[in-house]
Amino acid sequence: MSMGAAVSRSRTITRRVGRLLAGSALGALVAMGLGATPAGAAATGDCGATNRLPRPQDQRFYVQCANGIATALPCPTGQVFDLAQQTCDLPERVRPAVATLTSAGPAKLSGLLFGVKNLSTTVRMTDAPAGLDGVPVTFTTVGGKTLCTAVTDQFGAARCDTPSRLNLPLDEILRGYRASYAGITGIYRPSSATGTIALL
């Protein structure tokens, strides 16, 4: 196949995939490139008309549909999307605070001089598989001493390493760590999980 034929075939396939996806909110978001759109911004429903759709995995956002094009937009700080009213409102007027679930993975202690590596967690709503993005997480010893802080990524995952030269007793570190999400009053309930720390 010549170079020109290969380019032409690639363009044809791209147009066909674009047409297949264009009718759905997810397709519109894929077509937009997801660059300025929060990860997982797919909405429920059809984006063929002019309307607003919920973003199920994070109700602090909604998807604005106009002429089949979907754009993910944030609600004002402290508000959530109300599907029935098609607007953002205070969470207590829309629904009760949503429970969250935090999980924690194993971490490794590289000696007190090098610190703890790979403290990790994932934060999500209890009833949704997608993670909460852009929320702060604090990593502490089980006894409550702060090790480090991080912000979740587009998948709800956060990871950090402690500073070198930890000034904590070795037995306190080896008891494990706690990853805590403080929640957002009225929107998301707090949650936490413990993880293990093993000596390398």
N, C-alpha and C. Protein backbone atom coordinates (compact mmCIF):
# COMPACT_ATOMS: atom_id res chain seq x y z
N MET A 1 0.85 -1.17 0.00
CA MET A 1 0.00 0.00 0.00
C MET A 1 0.89 1.23 0.00
N SER A 2 0.58 2.19 -0.88
CA SER A 2 1.37 3.40 -0.97
C SER A 2 1.11 4.30 0.24
N MET A 3 2.01 5.25 0.45
CA MET A 3 1.87 6.18 1.58
C MET A 3 0.59 6.99 1.45
N GLY A 4 0.26 7.43 0.24
CA GLY A 4 -0.97 8.20 0.03
C GLY A 4 -2.21 7.38 0.34
N ALA A 5 -2.22 6.10 -0.06
CA ALA A 5 -3.36 5.23 0.20
C ALA A 5 -3.52 4.98 1.70
N ALA A 6 -2.39 4.83 2.41
CA ALA A 6 -2.43 4.59 3.85
C ALA A 6 -3.01 5.81 4.58
N VAL A 7 -2.61 7.00 4.16
CA VAL A 7 -3.13 8.23 4.78
C VAL A 7 -4.62 8.36 4.52
N SER A 8 -5.03 8.09 3.29
CA SER A 8 -6.45 8.17 2.93
C SER A 8 -7.28 7.17 3.75
N ARG A 9 -6.76 5.94 3.91
CA ARG A 9 -7.47 4.91 4.69
C ARG A 9 -7.58 5.34 6.16
N SER A 10 -6.53 5.91 6.69
CA SER A 10 -6.52 6.37 8.08
C SER A 10 -7.57 7.46 8.28
N ARG A 11 -7.68 8.39 7.35
CA ARG A 11 -8.67 9.46 7.45
C ARG A 11 -10.09 8.91 7.39
N THR A 12 -10.31 7.91 6.52
CA THR A 12 -11.63 7.30 6.39
C THR A 12 -12.04 6.62 7.69
N ILE A 13 -11.12 5.88 8.30
CA ILE A 13 -11.40 5.19 9.56
C ILE A 13 -11.70 6.22 10.65
N THR A 14 -10.91 7.30 10.71
CA THR A 14 -11.11 8.33 11.71
C THR A 14 -12.50 8.96 11.56
N ARG A 15 -12.93 9.27 10.32
CA ARG A 15 -14.26 9.85 10.10
C ARG A 15 -15.35 8.88 10.52
N ARG A 16 -15.20 7.58 10.21
CA ARG A 16 -16.22 6.60 10.58
C ARG A 16 -16.34 6.48 12.10
N VAL A 17 -15.23 6.41 12.80
CA VAL A 17 -15.25 6.32 14.26
C VAL A 17 -15.87 7.59 14.83
N GLY A 18 -15.52 8.74 14.28
CA GLY A 18 -16.08 10.00 14.74
C GLY A 18 -17.59 10.03 14.59
N ARG A 19 -18.11 9.55 13.45
CA ARG A 19 -19.55 9.52 13.23
C ARG A 19 -20.23 8.56 14.20
N LEU A 20 -19.59 7.43 14.49
CA LEU A 20 -20.17 6.47 15.43
C LEU A 20 -20.27 7.03 16.83
N LEU A 21 -19.25 7.79 17.22
CA LEU A 21 -19.20 8.32 18.58
C LEU A 21 -19.94 9.63 18.74
N ALA A 22 -20.17 10.35 17.66
CA ALA A 22 -20.71 11.71 17.75
C ALA A 22 -22.07 11.80 18.42
N GLY A 23 -22.89 10.76 18.37
CA GLY A 23 -24.23 10.82 18.94
C GLY A 23 -24.28 10.67 20.43
N SER A 24 -23.22 10.32 21.06
CA SER A 24 -23.25 10.13 22.51
C SER A 24 -22.44 11.21 23.22
N ALA A 25 -22.75 11.42 24.50
CA ALA A 25 -22.00 12.40 25.27
C ALA A 25 -20.54 11.98 25.37
N LEU A 26 -20.30 10.69 25.56
CA LEU A 26 -18.93 10.20 25.64
C LEU A 26 -18.21 10.46 24.32
N GLY A 27 -18.88 10.20 23.22
CA GLY A 27 -18.28 10.43 21.91
C GLY A 27 -17.92 11.88 21.71
N ALA A 28 -18.80 12.77 22.13
CA ALA A 28 -18.52 14.19 22.00
C ALA A 28 -17.31 14.58 22.82
N LEU A 29 -17.19 14.00 24.01
CA LEU A 29 -16.03 14.30 24.85
C LEU A 29 -14.76 13.73 24.25
N VAL A 30 -14.83 12.53 23.68
CA VAL A 30 -13.67 11.95 23.02
C VAL A 30 -13.27 12.82 21.85
N ALA A 31 -14.27 13.28 21.07
CA ALA A 31 -13.99 14.12 19.92
C ALA A 31 -13.35 15.43 20.33
N MET A 32 -13.69 15.94 21.53
CA MET A 32 -13.10 17.18 22.02
C MET A 32 -11.67 16.97 22.46
N GLY A 33 -11.23 15.74 22.61
CA GLY A 33 -9.86 15.47 23.00
C GLY A 33 -9.66 15.37 24.50
N LEU A 34 -10.67 15.63 25.29
CA LEU A 34 -10.61 15.55 26.74
C LEU A 34 -9.57 16.46 27.36
N GLY A 35 -8.96 17.36 26.57
CA GLY A 35 -7.91 18.20 27.10
C GLY A 35 -8.36 19.08 28.26
N ALA A 36 -9.42 19.83 28.07
CA ALA A 36 -9.88 20.74 29.12
C ALA A 36 -11.03 20.14 29.91
N THR A 37 -11.33 18.90 29.67
CA THR A 37 -12.46 18.25 30.31
C THR A 37 -11.96 17.38 31.45
N PRO A 38 -12.57 17.43 32.65
CA PRO A 38 -12.15 16.54 33.72
C PRO A 38 -12.24 15.09 33.28
N ALA A 39 -11.29 14.29 33.73
CA ALA A 39 -11.28 12.88 33.34
C ALA A 39 -12.57 12.22 33.73
N GLY A 40 -13.02 11.30 32.93
CA GLY A 40 -14.22 10.57 33.23
C GLY A 40 -15.46 11.45 33.17
N ALA A 41 -15.42 12.48 32.34
CA ALA A 41 -16.52 13.42 32.31
C ALA A 41 -17.72 12.91 31.53
N ALA A 42 -17.72 11.66 31.18
CA ALA A 42 -18.86 11.13 30.44
C ALA A 42 -20.13 11.29 31.26
N ALA A 43 -21.19 11.62 30.58
CA ALA A 43 -22.46 11.84 31.26
C ALA A 43 -23.39 10.69 30.97
N THR A 44 -24.48 10.65 31.72
CA THR A 44 -25.51 9.67 31.43
C THR A 44 -26.54 10.35 30.55
N GLY A 45 -27.00 9.67 29.52
CA GLY A 45 -28.02 10.23 28.66
C GLY A 45 -27.48 10.60 27.30
N ASP A 46 -28.35 11.16 26.48
CA ASP A 46 -28.02 11.52 25.12
C ASP A 46 -27.71 13.01 25.07
N CYS A 47 -26.65 13.36 24.36
CA CYS A 47 -26.25 14.76 24.27
C CYS A 47 -26.66 15.34 22.92
N GLY A 48 -27.70 14.81 22.32
CA GLY A 48 -28.13 15.29 21.02
C GLY A 48 -28.88 16.61 21.10
N ALA A 49 -29.51 16.92 22.21
CA ALA A 49 -30.29 18.15 22.35
C ALA A 49 -29.52 19.15 23.21
N THR A 50 -30.09 20.31 23.39
CA THR A 50 -29.48 21.29 24.28
C THR A 50 -30.02 21.03 25.68
N ASN A 51 -29.16 20.51 26.53
CA ASN A 51 -29.54 20.23 27.91
C ASN A 51 -28.29 20.05 28.76
N ARG A 52 -28.51 19.78 30.03
CA ARG A 52 -27.41 19.52 30.95
C ARG A 52 -27.59 18.11 31.48
N LEU A 53 -26.49 17.40 31.59
CA LEU A 53 -26.50 16.02 32.07
C LEU A 53 -25.62 15.90 33.30
N PRO A 54 -25.95 14.98 34.20
CA PRO A 54 -25.10 14.80 35.39
C PRO A 54 -23.79 14.12 35.03
N ARG A 55 -22.80 14.37 35.82
CA ARG A 55 -21.54 13.63 35.75
C ARG A 55 -21.56 12.72 36.97
N PRO A 56 -22.00 11.47 36.81
CA PRO A 56 -22.29 10.60 37.96
C PRO A 56 -21.12 10.41 38.92
N GLN A 57 -19.89 10.38 38.42
CA GLN A 57 -18.78 10.10 39.32
C GLN A 57 -18.35 11.31 40.14
N ASP A 58 -18.84 12.51 39.84
CA ASP A 58 -18.51 13.68 40.65
C ASP A 58 -19.55 14.75 40.38
N GLN A 59 -20.50 14.89 41.28
CA GLN A 59 -21.62 15.79 41.06
C GLN A 59 -21.27 17.26 41.26
N ARG A 60 -20.00 17.55 41.51
CA ARG A 60 -19.55 18.95 41.53
C ARG A 60 -19.42 19.47 40.10
N PHE A 61 -19.58 18.58 39.12
CA PHE A 61 -19.50 18.93 37.70
C PHE A 61 -20.78 18.50 37.00
N TYR A 62 -21.04 19.07 35.84
CA TYR A 62 -22.14 18.63 34.98
C TYR A 62 -21.65 18.73 33.54
N VAL A 63 -22.39 18.14 32.62
CA VAL A 63 -22.03 18.19 31.21
C VAL A 63 -23.07 19.04 30.50
N GLN A 64 -22.62 20.12 29.90
CA GLN A 64 -23.49 21.02 29.13
C GLN A 64 -23.51 20.53 27.69
N CYS A 65 -24.70 20.26 27.18
CA CYS A 65 -24.86 19.79 25.80
C CYS A 65 -25.43 20.93 24.95
N ALA A 66 -24.85 21.13 23.80
CA ALA A 66 -25.36 22.12 22.86
C ALA A 66 -25.09 21.61 21.45
N ASN A 67 -26.16 21.34 20.73
CA ASN A 67 -26.05 20.86 19.35
C ASN A 67 -25.19 19.60 19.24
N GLY A 68 -25.33 18.70 20.21
CA GLY A 68 -24.61 17.44 20.17
C GLY A 68 -23.18 17.51 20.68
N ILE A 69 -22.73 18.67 21.15
CA ILE A 69 -21.37 18.82 21.66
C ILE A 69 -21.44 18.91 23.18
N ALA A 70 -20.66 18.07 23.85
CA ALA A 70 -20.65 18.01 25.32
C ALA A 70 -19.43 18.74 25.87
N THR A 71 -19.67 19.56 26.88
CA THR A 71 -18.59 20.27 27.56
C THR A 71 -18.78 20.09 29.06
N ALA A 72 -17.78 19.55 29.75
CA ALA A 72 -17.86 19.38 31.20
C ALA A 72 -17.54 20.71 31.87
N LEU A 73 -18.41 21.10 32.81
CA LEU A 73 -18.26 22.37 33.51
C LEU A 73 -18.40 22.15 35.01
N PRO A 74 -17.68 22.94 35.82
CA PRO A 74 -17.82 22.80 37.28
C PRO A 74 -18.97 23.64 37.80
N CYS A 75 -19.58 23.15 38.86
CA CYS A 75 -20.54 23.97 39.60
C CYS A 75 -19.74 24.96 40.44
N PRO A 76 -20.36 26.05 40.89
CA PRO A 76 -19.65 26.95 41.80
C PRO A 76 -19.20 26.18 43.05
N THR A 77 -18.15 26.64 43.66
CA THR A 77 -17.59 25.98 44.85
C THR A 77 -18.68 25.76 45.90
N GLY A 78 -18.73 24.54 46.40
CA GLY A 78 -19.68 24.20 47.44
C GLY A 78 -21.05 23.78 46.93
N GLN A 79 -21.23 23.70 45.61
CA GLN A 79 -22.52 23.30 45.04
C GLN A 79 -22.39 22.02 44.23
N VAL A 80 -23.52 21.36 44.01
CA VAL A 80 -23.59 20.15 43.19
C VAL A 80 -24.68 20.32 42.14
N PHE A 81 -24.64 19.49 41.11
CA PHE A 81 -25.61 19.58 40.02
C PHE A 81 -26.92 18.92 40.41
N ASP A 82 -28.02 19.63 40.16
CA ASP A 82 -29.37 19.13 40.41
C ASP A 82 -30.02 18.85 39.06
N LEU A 83 -30.16 17.58 38.70
CA LEU A 83 -30.71 17.20 37.40
C LEU A 83 -32.14 17.70 37.22
N ALA A 84 -32.96 17.59 38.24
CA ALA A 84 -34.36 17.99 38.13
C ALA A 84 -34.50 19.48 37.82
N GLN A 85 -33.67 20.32 38.44
CA GLN A 85 -33.75 21.76 38.23
C GLN A 85 -32.83 22.25 37.11
N GLN A 86 -31.95 21.35 36.62
CA GLN A 86 -31.00 21.70 35.55
C GLN A 86 -30.09 22.86 35.94
N THR A 87 -29.67 22.87 37.22
CA THR A 87 -28.80 23.92 37.70
C THR A 87 -27.97 23.40 38.87
N CYS A 88 -26.99 24.18 39.28
CA CYS A 88 -26.21 23.84 40.46
C CYS A 88 -26.88 24.47 41.68
N ASP A 89 -26.81 23.80 42.81
CA ASP A 89 -27.46 24.29 44.02
C ASP A 89 -26.70 23.77 45.23
N LEU A 90 -27.07 24.26 46.39
CA LEU A 90 -26.46 23.78 47.63
C LEU A 90 -26.76 22.30 47.80
N PRO A 91 -25.80 21.52 48.25
CA PRO A 91 -26.00 20.07 48.32
C PRO A 91 -27.17 19.64 49.19
N GLU A 92 -27.43 20.35 50.28
CA GLU A 92 -28.53 19.93 51.16
C GLU A 92 -29.89 20.10 50.48
N ARG A 93 -29.97 20.90 49.44
CA ARG A 93 -31.22 21.05 48.69
C ARG A 93 -31.36 19.99 47.60
N VAL A 94 -30.23 19.36 47.25
CA VAL A 94 -30.23 18.39 46.15
C VAL A 94 -30.31 16.96 46.66
N ARG A 95 -29.45 16.63 47.61
CA ARG A 95 -29.38 15.26 48.12
C ARG A 95 -28.47 15.25 49.35
N PRO A 96 -28.54 14.18 50.15
CA PRO A 96 -27.63 14.09 51.30
C PRO A 96 -26.18 13.90 50.83
N ALA A 97 -25.25 14.17 51.72
CA ALA A 97 -23.84 13.99 51.40
C ALA A 97 -23.58 12.55 50.98
N VAL A 98 -22.73 12.38 49.99
CA VAL A 98 -22.43 11.07 49.43
C VAL A 98 -21.28 10.43 50.20
N ALA A 99 -21.44 9.15 50.53
CA ALA A 99 -20.37 8.42 51.21
C ALA A 99 -19.21 8.19 50.24
N THR A 100 -18.00 8.23 50.76
CA THR A 100 -16.81 7.95 49.95
C THR A 100 -16.11 6.71 50.49
N LEU A 101 -15.28 6.14 49.66
CA LEU A 101 -14.52 4.94 50.02
C LEU A 101 -13.05 5.20 49.70
N THR A 102 -12.19 4.97 50.66
CA THR A 102 -10.76 5.15 50.47
C THR A 102 -10.09 3.80 50.63
N SER A 103 -9.15 3.51 49.74
CA SER A 103 -8.35 2.29 49.87
C SER A 103 -6.89 2.70 49.93
N ALA A 104 -6.05 1.86 50.53
CA ALA A 104 -4.63 2.17 50.67
C ALA A 104 -3.81 0.97 50.25
N GLY A 105 -2.70 1.24 49.57
CA GLY A 105 -1.82 0.16 49.10
C GLY A 105 -0.59 0.02 49.98
N PRO A 106 0.23 -0.99 49.71
CA PRO A 106 1.44 -1.21 50.51
C PRO A 106 2.51 -0.16 50.20
N ALA A 107 3.30 0.19 51.21
CA ALA A 107 4.40 1.13 51.06
C ALA A 107 5.68 0.47 51.55
N LYS A 108 6.82 1.07 51.22
CA LYS A 108 8.13 0.51 51.59
C LYS A 108 8.96 1.54 52.34
N LEU A 109 9.57 1.12 53.44
CA LEU A 109 10.49 1.96 54.19
C LEU A 109 11.89 1.66 53.71
N SER A 110 12.56 2.71 53.21
CA SER A 110 13.92 2.56 52.70
C SER A 110 14.95 2.93 53.76
N GLY A 111 14.61 2.77 55.00
CA GLY A 111 15.48 3.18 56.09
C GLY A 111 15.10 4.58 56.53
N LEU A 112 15.37 4.91 57.78
CA LEU A 112 14.98 6.21 58.31
C LEU A 112 15.63 7.37 57.57
N LEU A 113 16.80 7.13 56.97
CA LEU A 113 17.48 8.19 56.24
C LEU A 113 16.82 8.47 54.89
N PHE A 114 16.14 7.49 54.33
CA PHE A 114 15.58 7.65 52.99
C PHE A 114 14.06 7.80 52.98
N GLY A 115 13.40 7.49 54.05
CA GLY A 115 11.96 7.71 54.15
C GLY A 115 11.12 6.56 53.61
N VAL A 116 9.79 6.79 53.63
CA VAL A 116 8.82 5.81 53.16
C VAL A 116 8.45 6.15 51.72
N LYS A 117 8.48 5.15 50.87
CA LYS A 117 8.19 5.33 49.44
C LYS A 117 6.84 4.70 49.09
N ASN A 118 6.14 5.34 48.18
CA ASN A 118 4.91 4.82 47.58
C ASN A 118 3.73 4.70 48.55
N LEU A 119 3.54 5.71 49.38
CA LEU A 119 2.28 5.78 50.13
C LEU A 119 1.22 6.07 49.08
N SER A 120 0.17 5.25 49.02
CA SER A 120 -0.80 5.41 47.93
C SER A 120 -2.22 5.14 48.39
N THR A 121 -3.16 5.76 47.69
CA THR A 121 -4.58 5.61 48.01
C THR A 121 -5.42 5.88 46.78
N THR A 122 -6.66 5.45 46.83
CA THR A 122 -7.66 5.80 45.84
C THR A 122 -8.91 6.24 46.59
N VAL A 123 -9.52 7.34 46.17
CA VAL A 123 -10.73 7.86 46.80
C VAL A 123 -11.84 7.87 45.74
N ARG A 124 -13.00 7.30 46.09
CA ARG A 124 -14.13 7.30 45.16
C ARG A 124 -15.42 7.37 45.95
N MET A 125 -16.52 7.66 45.23
CA MET A 125 -17.83 7.60 45.87
C MET A 125 -18.16 6.12 46.07
N THR A 126 -18.83 5.80 47.16
CA THR A 126 -19.14 4.41 47.47
C THR A 126 -19.93 3.72 46.37
N ASP A 127 -20.86 4.44 45.75
CA ASP A 127 -21.72 3.81 44.75
C ASP A 127 -21.30 4.06 43.31
N ALA A 128 -20.07 4.48 43.08
CA ALA A 128 -19.59 4.72 41.72
C ALA A 128 -18.17 4.18 41.57
N PRO A 129 -17.86 3.57 40.44
CA PRO A 129 -16.52 3.00 40.27
C PRO A 129 -15.44 4.04 40.02
N ALA A 130 -15.80 5.20 39.49
CA ALA A 130 -14.79 6.20 39.15
C ALA A 130 -14.31 6.92 40.40
N GLY A 131 -13.05 7.32 40.40
CA GLY A 131 -12.47 8.02 41.54
C GLY A 131 -12.79 9.50 41.53
N LEU A 132 -12.64 10.13 42.70
CA LEU A 132 -12.80 11.58 42.82
C LEU A 132 -11.48 12.24 42.46
N ASP A 133 -11.50 13.15 41.50
CA ASP A 133 -10.25 13.80 41.11
C ASP A 133 -10.11 15.16 41.78
N GLY A 134 -8.87 15.52 42.08
CA GLY A 134 -8.57 16.83 42.63
C GLY A 134 -8.93 17.02 44.10
N VAL A 135 -8.98 15.95 44.87
CA VAL A 135 -9.28 16.09 46.29
C VAL A 135 -8.02 15.80 47.12
N PRO A 136 -7.82 16.53 48.21
CA PRO A 136 -6.62 16.36 49.03
C PRO A 136 -6.71 15.13 49.93
N VAL A 137 -5.57 14.47 50.10
CA VAL A 137 -5.45 13.29 50.97
C VAL A 137 -4.26 13.51 51.89
N THR A 138 -4.42 13.15 53.16
CA THR A 138 -3.33 13.24 54.13
C THR A 138 -2.90 11.84 54.52
N PHE A 139 -1.61 11.60 54.47
CA PHE A 139 -1.03 10.32 54.88
C PHE A 139 -0.37 10.51 56.24
N THR A 140 -0.79 9.71 57.23
CA THR A 140 -0.24 9.80 58.58
C THR A 140 0.19 8.42 59.05
N THR A 141 0.95 8.38 60.14
CA THR A 141 1.18 7.11 60.79
C THR A 141 -0.15 6.69 61.41
N VAL A 142 -0.27 5.44 61.80
CA VAL A 142 -1.50 4.99 62.45
C VAL A 142 -1.72 5.80 63.73
N GLY A 143 -0.64 6.25 64.34
CA GLY A 143 -0.72 7.07 65.55
C GLY A 143 -1.07 8.53 65.30
N GLY A 144 -1.14 8.95 64.02
CA GLY A 144 -1.58 10.30 63.71
C GLY A 144 -0.52 11.31 63.31
N LYS A 145 0.75 10.92 63.20
CA LYS A 145 1.80 11.86 62.80
C LYS A 145 1.81 11.99 61.27
N THR A 146 1.75 13.22 60.77
CA THR A 146 1.68 13.45 59.33
C THR A 146 2.98 13.01 58.65
N LEU A 147 2.81 12.22 57.58
CA LEU A 147 3.94 11.77 56.76
C LEU A 147 4.07 12.61 55.50
N CYS A 148 2.96 12.83 54.78
CA CYS A 148 2.96 13.65 53.58
C CYS A 148 1.52 13.88 53.13
N THR A 149 1.33 14.76 52.17
CA THR A 149 -0.01 15.03 51.62
C THR A 149 0.07 14.96 50.10
N ALA A 150 -1.07 14.70 49.46
CA ALA A 150 -1.13 14.63 48.00
C ALA A 150 -2.55 14.98 47.56
N VAL A 151 -2.71 15.19 46.26
CA VAL A 151 -4.02 15.46 45.66
C VAL A 151 -4.30 14.35 44.66
N THR A 152 -5.55 13.87 44.64
CA THR A 152 -5.88 12.77 43.73
C THR A 152 -5.83 13.21 42.28
N ASP A 153 -5.49 12.27 41.42
CA ASP A 153 -5.44 12.52 39.98
C ASP A 153 -6.80 12.24 39.35
N GLN A 154 -6.85 12.20 38.04
CA GLN A 154 -8.11 12.01 37.31
C GLN A 154 -8.77 10.67 37.59
N PHE A 155 -8.04 9.71 38.15
CA PHE A 155 -8.60 8.40 38.47
C PHE A 155 -8.92 8.26 39.96
N GLY A 156 -8.72 9.33 40.72
CA GLY A 156 -8.96 9.29 42.16
C GLY A 156 -7.78 8.74 42.95
N ALA A 157 -6.64 8.57 42.29
CA ALA A 157 -5.46 8.01 42.95
C ALA A 157 -4.53 9.13 43.42
N ALA A 158 -3.92 8.93 44.57
CA ALA A 158 -2.93 9.87 45.10
C ALA A 158 -1.75 9.07 45.62
N ARG A 159 -0.57 9.63 45.48
CA ARG A 159 0.64 8.94 45.91
C ARG A 159 1.65 9.98 46.37
N CYS A 160 2.42 9.64 47.40
CA CYS A 160 3.51 10.52 47.82
C CYS A 160 4.56 9.71 48.57
N ASP A 161 5.73 10.31 48.68
CA ASP A 161 6.84 9.75 49.45
C ASP A 161 7.12 10.71 50.61
N THR A 162 7.54 10.17 51.74
CA THR A 162 7.86 11.03 52.88
C THR A 162 9.19 11.72 52.63
N PRO A 163 9.44 12.79 53.34
CA PRO A 163 10.77 13.40 53.25
C PRO A 163 11.83 12.43 53.79
N SER A 164 13.06 12.63 53.38
CA SER A 164 14.17 11.84 53.92
C SER A 164 14.36 12.17 55.39
N ARG A 165 15.11 11.34 56.08
CA ARG A 165 15.47 11.55 57.48
C ARG A 165 14.24 11.72 58.38
N LEU A 166 13.43 10.69 58.40
CA LEU A 166 12.25 10.71 59.25
C LEU A 166 12.65 10.76 60.72
N ASN A 167 11.99 11.61 61.46
CA ASN A 167 12.28 11.76 62.88
C ASN A 167 11.17 11.08 63.69
N LEU A 168 10.93 9.81 63.37
CA LEU A 168 9.88 9.03 64.05
C LEU A 168 10.46 7.70 64.47
N PRO A 169 9.97 7.13 65.56
CA PRO A 169 10.45 5.81 65.97
C PRO A 169 10.12 4.76 64.90
N LEU A 170 11.05 3.84 64.69
CA LEU A 170 10.89 2.80 63.67
C LEU A 170 9.64 1.96 63.92
N ASP A 171 9.36 1.62 65.18
CA ASP A 171 8.18 0.78 65.45
C ASP A 171 6.88 1.50 65.11
N GLU A 172 6.83 2.84 65.25
CA GLU A 172 5.63 3.59 64.88
C GLU A 172 5.42 3.56 63.36
N ILE A 173 6.49 3.68 62.61
CA ILE A 173 6.39 3.66 61.15
C ILE A 173 5.95 2.28 60.66
N LEU A 174 6.52 1.24 61.24
CA LEU A 174 6.22 -0.12 60.76
C LEU A 174 4.83 -0.61 61.17
N ARG A 175 4.12 0.14 62.02
CA ARG A 175 2.73 -0.23 62.34
C ARG A 175 1.79 0.06 61.17
N GLY A 176 2.27 0.81 60.18
CA GLY A 176 1.47 1.10 59.00
C GLY A 176 1.12 2.58 58.90
N TYR A 177 0.30 2.89 57.92
CA TYR A 177 -0.09 4.28 57.71
C TYR A 177 -1.59 4.37 57.45
N ARG A 178 -2.10 5.59 57.57
CA ARG A 178 -3.52 5.87 57.29
C ARG A 178 -3.59 6.93 56.20
N ALA A 179 -4.41 6.66 55.18
CA ALA A 179 -4.70 7.64 54.13
C ALA A 179 -6.09 8.20 54.45
N SER A 180 -6.19 9.51 54.63
CA SER A 180 -7.46 10.13 55.05
C SER A 180 -7.90 11.20 54.07
N TYR A 181 -9.18 11.10 53.69
CA TYR A 181 -9.83 12.14 52.89
C TYR A 181 -10.84 12.82 53.81
N ALA A 182 -10.71 14.14 53.96
CA ALA A 182 -11.54 14.88 54.92
C ALA A 182 -12.97 15.12 54.44
N GLY A 183 -13.24 14.88 53.17
CA GLY A 183 -14.57 15.12 52.64
C GLY A 183 -14.81 16.59 52.37
N ILE A 184 -16.00 16.90 51.87
CA ILE A 184 -16.42 18.28 51.64
C ILE A 184 -17.78 18.40 52.30
N THR A 185 -17.90 19.28 53.26
CA THR A 185 -19.12 19.41 54.05
C THR A 185 -20.36 19.48 53.16
N GLY A 186 -21.28 18.58 53.40
CA GLY A 186 -22.53 18.55 52.66
C GLY A 186 -22.48 17.90 51.30
N ILE A 187 -21.27 17.64 50.79
CA ILE A 187 -21.13 17.05 49.45
C ILE A 187 -20.61 15.62 49.54
N TYR A 188 -19.43 15.45 50.15
CA TYR A 188 -18.81 14.13 50.29
C TYR A 188 -18.43 13.88 51.73
N ARG A 189 -18.77 12.70 52.22
CA ARG A 189 -18.40 12.33 53.59
C ARG A 189 -16.92 11.95 53.63
N PRO A 190 -16.29 12.13 54.79
CA PRO A 190 -14.89 11.73 54.93
C PRO A 190 -14.74 10.21 54.93
N SER A 191 -13.54 9.76 54.58
CA SER A 191 -13.23 8.33 54.65
C SER A 191 -11.73 8.17 54.84
N SER A 192 -11.34 7.00 55.29
CA SER A 192 -9.91 6.71 55.46
C SER A 192 -9.68 5.21 55.36
N ALA A 193 -8.43 4.85 55.14
CA ALA A 193 -8.04 3.44 55.06
C ALA A 193 -6.62 3.32 55.56
N THR A 194 -6.26 2.13 56.03
CA THR A 194 -4.88 1.90 56.48
C THR A 194 -4.16 1.01 55.49
N GLY A 195 -2.86 1.22 55.43
CA GLY A 195 -2.01 0.41 54.56
C GLY A 195 -0.77 -0.03 55.32
N THR A 196 -0.08 -1.00 54.76
CA THR A 196 1.11 -1.54 55.42
C THR A 196 2.37 -0.79 54.97
N ILE A 197 3.36 -0.79 55.83
CA ILE A 197 4.69 -0.28 55.50
C ILE A 197 5.66 -1.41 55.81
N ALA A 198 6.37 -1.85 54.80
CA ALA A 198 7.34 -2.94 54.97
C ALA A 198 8.77 -2.38 54.87
N LEU A 199 9.68 -2.96 55.62
CA LEU A 199 11.09 -2.56 55.58
C LEU A 199 11.74 -3.22 54.38
N LEU A 200 12.42 -2.42 53.56
CA LEU A 200 13.10 -2.97 52.38
C LEU A 200 14.32 -3.76 52.79
